[in-house]
Structures are given as C-alpha cells and as structure tokens.
Amino acid sequence: MARGDHPQRTPFYGVVLIVTAMAVAMIVYRTAPVWLQVPVYVAAFLTALVGFVMTFRDLS
C-alpha cells in the first residue's frame, strides 16, 4: 500500500466533518444571535451531509 492510500482515511474524515458540524452548531446555539445561527446551521447541515456521504460511500 502506497503512502496516503490507507482505505480508512476517507471514512475517518467523514466522521471528523460530522463531529465538527455538531460542535460548531452547539457553540453557535449557545453564544450567537439568531441572525448568525441560521446560516451556520445551514452550513453545518451541509458539512454533516458531506461527512455522511464520505463515511458511508463504500457500503454498497
């Protein structure tokens, strides 16, 4: 296996994206005003969606 071709790297990055999106949404929920919460929630949702696809793309 060549360097950088580890098969578990992409699912790991997907999980990191999901956890990061959840953490950012939680921090914004606690600290930010509503006008800032909505765009951050949308960005967090899209980030988590990309992470979900990266995590489960090889389950076919």
PDB file of N, CA and C in Angstrom:
ATOM      1  N   MET A   1       0.838  -1.171   0.000  1.00  0.00           N
ATOM      2  CA  MET A   1       0.000   0.000   0.000  1.00  0.00           C
ATOM      3  C   MET A   1       0.891   1.245   0.000  1.00  0.00           C
ATOM      4  N   ALA A   2       0.635   2.139  -0.904  1.00  0.00           N
ATOM      5  CA  ALA A   2       1.423   3.362  -1.027  1.00  0.00           C
ATOM      6  C   ALA A   2       1.061   4.341   0.095  1.00  0.00           C
ATOM      7  N   ARG A   3       1.967   5.235   0.338  1.00  0.00           N
ATOM      8  CA  ARG A   3       1.719   6.242   1.350  1.00  0.00           C
ATOM      9  C   ARG A   3       0.542   7.120   0.926  1.00  0.00           C
ATOM     10  N   GLY A   4      -0.421   7.302   1.822  1.00  0.00           N
ATOM     11  CA  GLY A   4      -1.596   8.113   1.522  1.00  0.00           C
ATOM     12  C   GLY A   4      -2.752   7.333   0.939  1.00  0.00           C
ATOM     13  N   ASP A   5      -2.600   6.009   0.778  1.00  0.00           N
ATOM     14  CA  ASP A   5      -3.675   5.191   0.210  1.00  0.00           C
ATOM     15  C   ASP A   5      -4.377   4.335   1.257  1.00  0.00           C
ATOM     16  N   HIS A   6      -4.357   4.761   2.478  1.00  0.00           N
ATOM     17  CA  HIS A   6      -4.975   3.968   3.531  1.00  0.00           C
ATOM     18  C   HIS A   6      -6.489   3.933   3.316  1.00  0.00           C
ATOM     19  N   PRO A   7      -7.110   2.754   3.329  1.00  0.00           N
ATOM     20  CA  PRO A   7      -8.536   2.648   2.992  1.00  0.00           C
ATOM     21  C   PRO A   7      -9.473   3.264   4.021  1.00  0.00           C
ATOM     22  N   GLN A   8      -9.038   3.467   5.241  1.00  0.00           N
ATOM     23  CA  GLN A   8      -9.920   4.015   6.272  1.00  0.00           C
ATOM     24  C   GLN A   8      -9.794   5.526   6.435  1.00  0.00           C
ATOM     25  N   ARG A   9      -9.046   6.166   5.567  1.00  0.00           N
ATOM     26  CA  ARG A   9      -8.836   7.603   5.710  1.00  0.00           C
ATOM     27  C   ARG A   9     -10.099   8.397   5.378  1.00  0.00           C
ATOM     28  N   THR A  10     -10.785   8.070   4.301  1.00  0.00           N
ATOM     29  CA  THR A  10     -11.975   8.818   3.897  1.00  0.00           C
ATOM     30  C   THR A  10     -13.105   8.700   4.918  1.00  0.00           C
ATOM     31  N   PRO A  11     -13.427   7.499   5.425  1.00  0.00           N
ATOM     32  CA  PRO A  11     -14.464   7.436   6.472  1.00  0.00           C
ATOM     33  C   PRO A  11     -14.085   8.219   7.726  1.00  0.00           C
ATOM     34  N   PHE A  12     -12.808   8.209   8.065  1.00  0.00           N
ATOM     35  CA  PHE A  12     -12.372   8.979   9.230  1.00  0.00           C
ATOM     36  C   PHE A  12     -12.607  10.469   9.019  1.00  0.00           C
ATOM     37  N   TYR A  13     -12.257  10.971   7.846  1.00  0.00           N
ATOM     38  CA  TYR A  13     -12.502  12.383   7.553  1.00  0.00           C
ATOM     39  C   TYR A  13     -13.997  12.699   7.584  1.00  0.00           C
ATOM     40  N   GLY A  14     -14.820  11.769   7.125  1.00  0.00           N
ATOM     41  CA  GLY A  14     -16.266  11.972   7.184  1.00  0.00           C
ATOM     42  C   GLY A  14     -16.766  12.101   8.606  1.00  0.00           C
ATOM     43  N   VAL A  15     -16.280  11.245   9.492  1.00  0.00           N
ATOM     44  CA  VAL A  15     -16.677  11.318  10.897  1.00  0.00           C
ATOM     45  C   VAL A  15     -16.189  12.617  11.523  1.00  0.00           C
ATOM     46  N   VAL A  16     -14.993  13.043  11.167  1.00  0.00           N
ATOM     47  CA  VAL A  16     -14.476  14.311  11.690  1.00  0.00           C
ATOM     48  C   VAL A  16     -15.363  15.472  11.229  1.00  0.00           C
ATOM     49  N   LEU A  17     -15.797  15.447   9.979  1.00  0.00           N
ATOM     50  CA  LEU A  17     -16.691  16.507   9.487  1.00  0.00           C
ATOM     51  C   LEU A  17     -18.017  16.511  10.247  1.00  0.00           C
ATOM     52  N   ILE A  18     -18.580  15.342  10.504  1.00  0.00           N
ATOM     53  CA  ILE A  18     -19.847  15.259  11.228  1.00  0.00           C
ATOM     54  C   ILE A  18     -19.696  15.803  12.647  1.00  0.00           C
ATOM     55  N   VAL A  19     -18.665  15.376  13.339  1.00  0.00           N
ATOM     56  CA  VAL A  19     -18.451  15.827  14.719  1.00  0.00           C
ATOM     57  C   VAL A  19     -18.167  17.322  14.763  1.00  0.00           C
ATOM     58  N   THR A  20     -17.410  17.824  13.808  1.00  0.00           N
ATOM     59  CA  THR A  20     -17.126  19.260  13.756  1.00  0.00           C
ATOM     60  C   THR A  20     -18.398  20.061  13.516  1.00  0.00           C
ATOM     61  N   ALA A  21     -19.246  19.593  12.603  1.00  0.00           N
ATOM     62  CA  ALA A  21     -20.505  20.292  12.335  1.00  0.00           C
ATOM     63  C   ALA A  21     -21.377  20.325  13.582  1.00  0.00           C
ATOM     64  N   MET A  22     -21.432  19.210  14.312  1.00  0.00           N
ATOM     65  CA  MET A  22     -22.230  19.175  15.538  1.00  0.00           C
ATOM     66  C   MET A  22     -21.669  20.119  16.593  1.00  0.00           C
ATOM     67  N   ALA A  23     -20.363  20.156  16.738  1.00  0.00           N
ATOM     68  CA  ALA A  23     -19.744  21.024  17.744  1.00  0.00           C
ATOM     69  C   ALA A  23     -19.951  22.498  17.413  1.00  0.00           C
ATOM     70  N   VAL A  24     -19.780  22.853  16.150  1.00  0.00           N
ATOM     71  CA  VAL A  24     -19.970  24.252  15.747  1.00  0.00           C
ATOM     72  C   VAL A  24     -21.428  24.676  15.949  1.00  0.00           C
ATOM     73  N   ALA A  25     -22.367  23.805  15.587  1.00  0.00           N
ATOM     74  CA  ALA A  25     -23.782  24.138  15.781  1.00  0.00           C
ATOM     75  C   ALA A  25     -24.109  24.306  17.267  1.00  0.00           C
ATOM     76  N   MET A  26     -23.524  23.478  18.119  1.00  0.00           N
ATOM     77  CA  MET A  26     -23.770  23.604  19.551  1.00  0.00           C
ATOM     78  C   MET A  26     -23.196  24.905  20.100  1.00  0.00           C
ATOM     79  N   ILE A  27     -21.991  25.261  19.666  1.00  0.00           N
ATOM     80  CA  ILE A  27     -21.372  26.501  20.137  1.00  0.00           C
ATOM     81  C   ILE A  27     -22.176  27.709  19.677  1.00  0.00           C
ATOM     82  N   VAL A  28     -22.626  27.693  18.419  1.00  0.00           N
ATOM     83  CA  VAL A  28     -23.400  28.820  17.893  1.00  0.00           C
ATOM     84  C   VAL A  28     -24.755  28.917  18.595  1.00  0.00           C
ATOM     85  N   TYR A  29     -25.352  27.782  18.915  1.00  0.00           N
ATOM     86  CA  TYR A  29     -26.639  27.782  19.624  1.00  0.00           C
ATOM     87  C   TYR A  29     -26.506  28.471  20.973  1.00  0.00           C
ATOM     88  N   ARG A  30     -25.377  28.267  21.638  1.00  0.00           N
ATOM     89  CA  ARG A  30     -25.186  28.838  22.972  1.00  0.00           C
ATOM     90  C   ARG A  30     -24.753  30.301  22.951  1.00  0.00           C
ATOM     91  N   THR A  31     -24.067  30.749  21.913  1.00  0.00           N
ATOM     92  CA  THR A  31     -23.415  32.056  22.002  1.00  0.00           C
ATOM     93  C   THR A  31     -23.861  33.094  20.977  1.00  0.00           C
ATOM     94  N   ALA A  32     -24.351  32.698  19.828  1.00  0.00           N
ATOM     95  CA  ALA A  32     -24.555  33.649  18.731  1.00  0.00           C
ATOM     96  C   ALA A  32     -26.001  34.143  18.672  1.00  0.00           C
ATOM     97  N   PRO A  33     -26.201  35.320  18.092  1.00  0.00           N
ATOM     98  CA  PRO A  33     -27.561  35.807  17.867  1.00  0.00           C
ATOM     99  C   PRO A  33     -28.238  35.008  16.743  1.00  0.00           C
ATOM    100  N   VAL A  34     -29.554  35.135  16.664  1.00  0.00           N
ATOM    101  CA  VAL A  34     -30.345  34.336  15.727  1.00  0.00           C
ATOM    102  C   VAL A  34     -29.953  34.611  14.279  1.00  0.00           C
ATOM    103  N   TRP A  35     -29.652  35.836  13.930  1.00  0.00           N
ATOM    104  CA  TRP A  35     -29.315  36.150  12.536  1.00  0.00           C
ATOM    105  C   TRP A  35     -28.041  35.441  12.094  1.00  0.00           C
ATOM    106  N   LEU A  36     -27.192  35.055  13.034  1.00  0.00           N
ATOM    107  CA  LEU A  36     -25.990  34.320  12.699  1.00  0.00           C
ATOM    108  C   LEU A  36     -26.204  32.807  12.792  1.00  0.00           C
ATOM    109  N   GLN A  37     -27.146  32.388  13.618  1.00  0.00           N
ATOM    110  CA  GLN A  37     -27.399  30.962  13.818  1.00  0.00           C
ATOM    111  C   GLN A  37     -27.887  30.280  12.549  1.00  0.00           C
ATOM    112  N   VAL A  38     -28.806  30.898  11.834  1.00  0.00           N
ATOM    113  CA  VAL A  38     -29.414  30.253  10.666  1.00  0.00           C
ATOM    114  C   VAL A  38     -28.389  29.909   9.586  1.00  0.00           C
ATOM    115  N   PRO A  39     -27.535  30.843   9.142  1.00  0.00           N
ATOM    116  CA  PRO A  39     -26.543  30.452   8.131  1.00  0.00           C
ATOM    117  C   PRO A  39     -25.546  29.408   8.638  1.00  0.00           C
ATOM    118  N   VAL A  40     -25.207  29.476   9.914  1.00  0.00           N
ATOM    119  CA  VAL A  40     -24.274  28.489  10.460  1.00  0.00           C
ATOM    120  C   VAL A  40     -24.939  27.123  10.513  1.00  0.00           C
ATOM    121  N   TYR A  41     -26.218  27.057  10.865  1.00  0.00           N
ATOM    122  CA  TYR A  41     -26.933  25.781  10.866  1.00  0.00           C
ATOM    123  C   TYR A  41     -27.000  25.184   9.462  1.00  0.00           C
ATOM    124  N   VAL A  42     -27.228  26.023   8.468  1.00  0.00           N
ATOM    125  CA  VAL A  42     -27.272  25.530   7.087  1.00  0.00           C
ATOM    126  C   VAL A  42     -25.899  25.006   6.679  1.00  0.00           C
ATOM    127  N   ALA A  43     -24.852  25.737   6.997  1.00  0.00           N
ATOM    128  CA  ALA A  43     -23.501  25.287   6.671  1.00  0.00           C
ATOM    129  C   ALA A  43     -23.146  24.010   7.438  1.00  0.00           C
ATOM    130  N   ALA A  44     -23.563  23.922   8.699  1.00  0.00           N
ATOM    131  CA  ALA A  44     -23.299  22.718   9.486  1.00  0.00           C
ATOM    132  C   ALA A  44     -24.051  21.521   8.915  1.00  0.00           C
ATOM    133  N   PHE A  45     -25.275  21.735   8.462  1.00  0.00           N
ATOM    134  CA  PHE A  45     -26.040  20.651   7.856  1.00  0.00           C
ATOM    135  C   PHE A  45     -25.360  20.150   6.583  1.00  0.00           C
ATOM    136  N   LEU A  46     -24.928  21.071   5.744  1.00  0.00           N
ATOM    137  CA  LEU A  46     -24.253  20.673   4.507  1.00  0.00           C
ATOM    138  C   LEU A  46     -22.927  19.967   4.797  1.00  0.00           C
ATOM    139  N   THR A  47     -22.211  20.448   5.796  1.00  0.00           N
ATOM    140  CA  THR A  47     -20.954  19.807   6.179  1.00  0.00           C
ATOM    141  C   THR A  47     -21.203  18.394   6.705  1.00  0.00           C
ATOM    142  N   ALA A  48     -22.222  18.244   7.543  1.00  0.00           N
ATOM    143  CA  ALA A  48     -22.550  16.918   8.066  1.00  0.00           C
ATOM    144  C   ALA A  48     -23.023  15.992   6.945  1.00  0.00           C
ATOM    145  N   LEU A  49     -23.725  16.524   5.980  1.00  0.00           N
ATOM    146  CA  LEU A  49     -24.173  15.717   4.851  1.00  0.00           C
ATOM    147  C   LEU A  49     -22.990  15.213   4.030  1.00  0.00           C
ATOM    148  N   VAL A  50     -22.024  16.074   3.783  1.00  0.00           N
ATOM    149  CA  VAL A  50     -20.805  15.661   3.074  1.00  0.00           C
ATOM    150  C   VAL A  50     -20.055  14.617   3.904  1.00  0.00           C
ATOM    151  N   GLY A  51     -19.982  14.822   5.200  1.00  0.00           N
ATOM    152  CA  GLY A  51     -19.333  13.849   6.072  1.00  0.00           C
ATOM    153  C   GLY A  51     -20.041  12.511   6.066  1.00  0.00           C
ATOM    154  N   PHE A  52     -21.377  12.530   6.034  1.00  0.00           N
ATOM    155  CA  PHE A  52     -22.148  11.290   5.973  1.00  0.00           C
ATOM    156  C   PHE A  52     -21.857  10.535   4.687  1.00  0.00           C
ATOM    157  N   VAL A  53     -21.821  11.253   3.584  1.00  0.00           N
ATOM    158  CA  VAL A  53     -21.529  10.610   2.296  1.00  0.00           C
ATOM    159  C   VAL A  53     -20.105  10.049   2.291  1.00  0.00           C
ATOM    160  N   MET A  54     -19.152  10.796   2.842  1.00  0.00           N
ATOM    161  CA  MET A  54     -17.776  10.305   2.881  1.00  0.00           C
ATOM    162  C   MET A  54     -17.644   9.074   3.774  1.00  0.00           C
ATOM    163  N   THR A  55     -18.414   9.037   4.855  1.00  0.00           N
ATOM    164  CA  THR A  55     -18.315   7.925   5.788  1.00  0.00           C
ATOM    165  C   THR A  55     -18.927   6.653   5.228  1.00  0.00           C
ATOM    166  N   PHE A  56     -20.060   6.772   4.560  1.00  0.00           N
ATOM    167  CA  PHE A  56     -20.807   5.581   4.146  1.00  0.00           C
ATOM    168  C   PHE A  56     -20.790   5.328   2.640  1.00  0.00           C
ATOM    169  N   ARG A  57     -19.849   5.897   1.918  1.00  0.00           N
ATOM    170  CA  ARG A  57     -19.842   5.754   0.465  1.00  0.00           C
ATOM    171  C   ARG A  57     -19.441   4.369   0.003  1.00  0.00           C
ATOM    172  N   ASP A  58     -18.744   3.611   0.797  1.00  0.00           N
ATOM    173  CA  ASP A  58     -18.251   2.301   0.384  1.00  0.00           C
ATOM    174  C   ASP A  58     -19.119   1.151   0.880  1.00  0.00           C
ATOM    175  N   LEU A  59     -20.328   1.410   1.310  1.00  0.00           N
ATOM    176  CA  LEU A  59     -21.182   0.357   1.855  1.00  0.00           C
ATOM    177  C   LEU A  59     -22.101  -0.274   0.826  1.00  0.00           C
ATOM    178  N   SER A  60     -21.831  -0.100  -0.445  1.00  0.00           N
ATOM    179  CA  SER A  60     -22.721  -0.663  -1.454  1.00  0.00           C
ATOM    180  C   SER A  60     -22.433  -2.128  -1.731  1.00  0.00           C
TER     181      SER A  60
END
